[in-house]
Protein backbone atom coordinates (compact mmCIF):
# COMPACT_ATOMS: atom_id res chain seq x y z
CA UNK A 1 -35.38 43.91 -48.64
CA UNK A 2 -36.32 45.52 -51.60
CA UNK A 3 -34.26 46.05 -54.10
CA UNK A 4 -33.11 48.93 -54.47
CA UNK A 5 -32.18 49.33 -49.96
CA UNK A 6 -30.24 46.04 -51.33
CA UNK A 7 -28.37 47.74 -54.25
CA UNK A 8 -27.41 50.76 -51.95
CA UNK A 9 -26.42 47.97 -48.95
CA UNK A 10 -24.21 45.74 -52.22
CA UNK A 11 -20.38 46.73 -50.28
CA UNK A 12 -22.28 45.77 -46.44
CA UNK A 13 -23.78 42.65 -47.93
CA UNK A 14 -20.95 41.95 -49.91
CA UNK A 15 -18.52 41.83 -46.98
CA UNK A 16 -20.82 40.15 -44.51
CA UNK A 17 -20.69 36.88 -46.72
CA UNK A 18 -17.09 37.74 -47.58
CA UNK A 19 -16.27 37.30 -43.43
CA UNK A 20 -19.03 34.50 -43.08
CA UNK A 21 -17.40 32.42 -45.76
CA UNK A 22 -13.72 32.58 -44.60
CA UNK A 23 -15.12 31.67 -40.94
CA UNK A 24 -16.42 28.52 -42.23
CA UNK A 25 -12.99 27.70 -44.39
CA UNK A 26 -11.44 28.40 -41.50
CA UNK A 27 -13.33 25.96 -38.93
CA UNK A 28 -13.54 22.79 -41.63
CA UNK A 29 -9.23 23.58 -42.03
CA UNK A 30 -9.11 22.92 -37.94
CA UNK A 31 -11.37 20.31 -37.94
CA UNK A 32 -9.29 18.45 -40.94
CA UNK A 33 -6.14 19.30 -39.05
CA UNK A 34 -7.42 17.55 -36.00
CA UNK A 35 -8.99 14.75 -37.65
CA UNK A 36 -6.34 14.10 -40.02
CA UNK A 37 -3.83 13.76 -36.86
CA UNK A 38 -6.62 11.43 -35.44
CA UNK A 39 -6.20 9.11 -37.80
CA UNK A 40 -2.44 9.13 -37.74
CA UNK A 41 -2.43 10.66 -41.56
CA UNK A 42 -0.57 13.33 -40.31
CA UNK A 43 2.36 13.57 -37.44
CA UNK A 44 1.13 15.32 -34.32
CA UNK A 45 3.58 17.83 -34.95
CA UNK A 46 0.79 19.25 -37.54
CA UNK A 47 -1.26 20.45 -34.47
CA UNK A 48 1.55 23.15 -33.67
CA UNK A 49 -0.52 25.07 -37.04
CA UNK A 50 -3.92 24.80 -35.21
CA UNK A 51 -2.91 27.67 -32.75
CA UNK A 52 -2.91 30.31 -35.52
CA UNK A 53 -5.78 28.50 -37.28
CA UNK A 54 -7.89 28.96 -34.00
CA UNK A 55 -6.53 33.15 -33.77
CA UNK A 56 -7.22 33.66 -37.78
CA UNK A 57 -10.77 32.38 -37.33
CA UNK A 58 -11.31 34.34 -33.80
CA UNK A 59 -9.89 37.70 -36.31
CA UNK A 60 -12.55 36.20 -38.91
CA UNK A 61 -15.37 35.89 -36.72
CA UNK A 62 -14.45 39.46 -34.94
CA UNK A 63 -14.81 41.11 -38.96
CA UNK A 64 -17.95 38.83 -38.92
CA UNK A 65 -19.68 40.98 -36.00
CA UNK A 66 -18.03 43.93 -37.45
CA UNK A 67 -19.12 43.95 -40.80
CA UNK A 68 -22.94 42.87 -39.79
CA UNK A 69 -23.34 45.33 -37.15
CA UNK A 70 -21.81 47.91 -40.24
CA UNK A 71 -24.50 46.30 -42.39
CA UNK A 72 -27.63 46.49 -39.65
CA UNK A 73 -26.29 50.92 -38.47
CA UNK A 74 -26.10 51.27 -42.83
CA UNK A 75 -30.03 49.57 -43.19
CA UNK A 76 -31.17 51.58 -40.48
CA UNK A 77 -29.58 54.81 -41.35
CA UNK A 78 -31.60 54.08 -44.94
CA UNK A 79 -34.81 52.58 -44.71
CA UNK A 80 -36.45 54.08 -42.38
CA UNK A 81 -39.53 50.62 -41.96
CA UNK A 82 -36.33 48.94 -40.56
CA UNK A 83 -35.26 51.55 -38.34
CA UNK A 84 -38.81 51.65 -36.87
CA UNK A 85 -39.18 47.59 -36.63
CA UNK A 86 -36.04 46.66 -34.74
CA UNK A 87 -37.01 49.72 -32.43
CA UNK A 88 -39.82 47.53 -31.20
């Protein structure tokens, strides 16, 4: 990606990166909760918080997909070469 296109798409790239980070953090929190329950460091009742975490991860994933689509759409509007390559 050329520098001037990267500068124009700075906000969209930031949004994609931020949503990807939130997905990774959410998945890490779910895994950490399950592992701590399995090793008996936390009580079984802490698994109640896993369900809302899964919904938050799903919402973050949907946001990521939306941000990714907006990035591709905006890049197609700005960069003619990218549009030509993606139509192939």
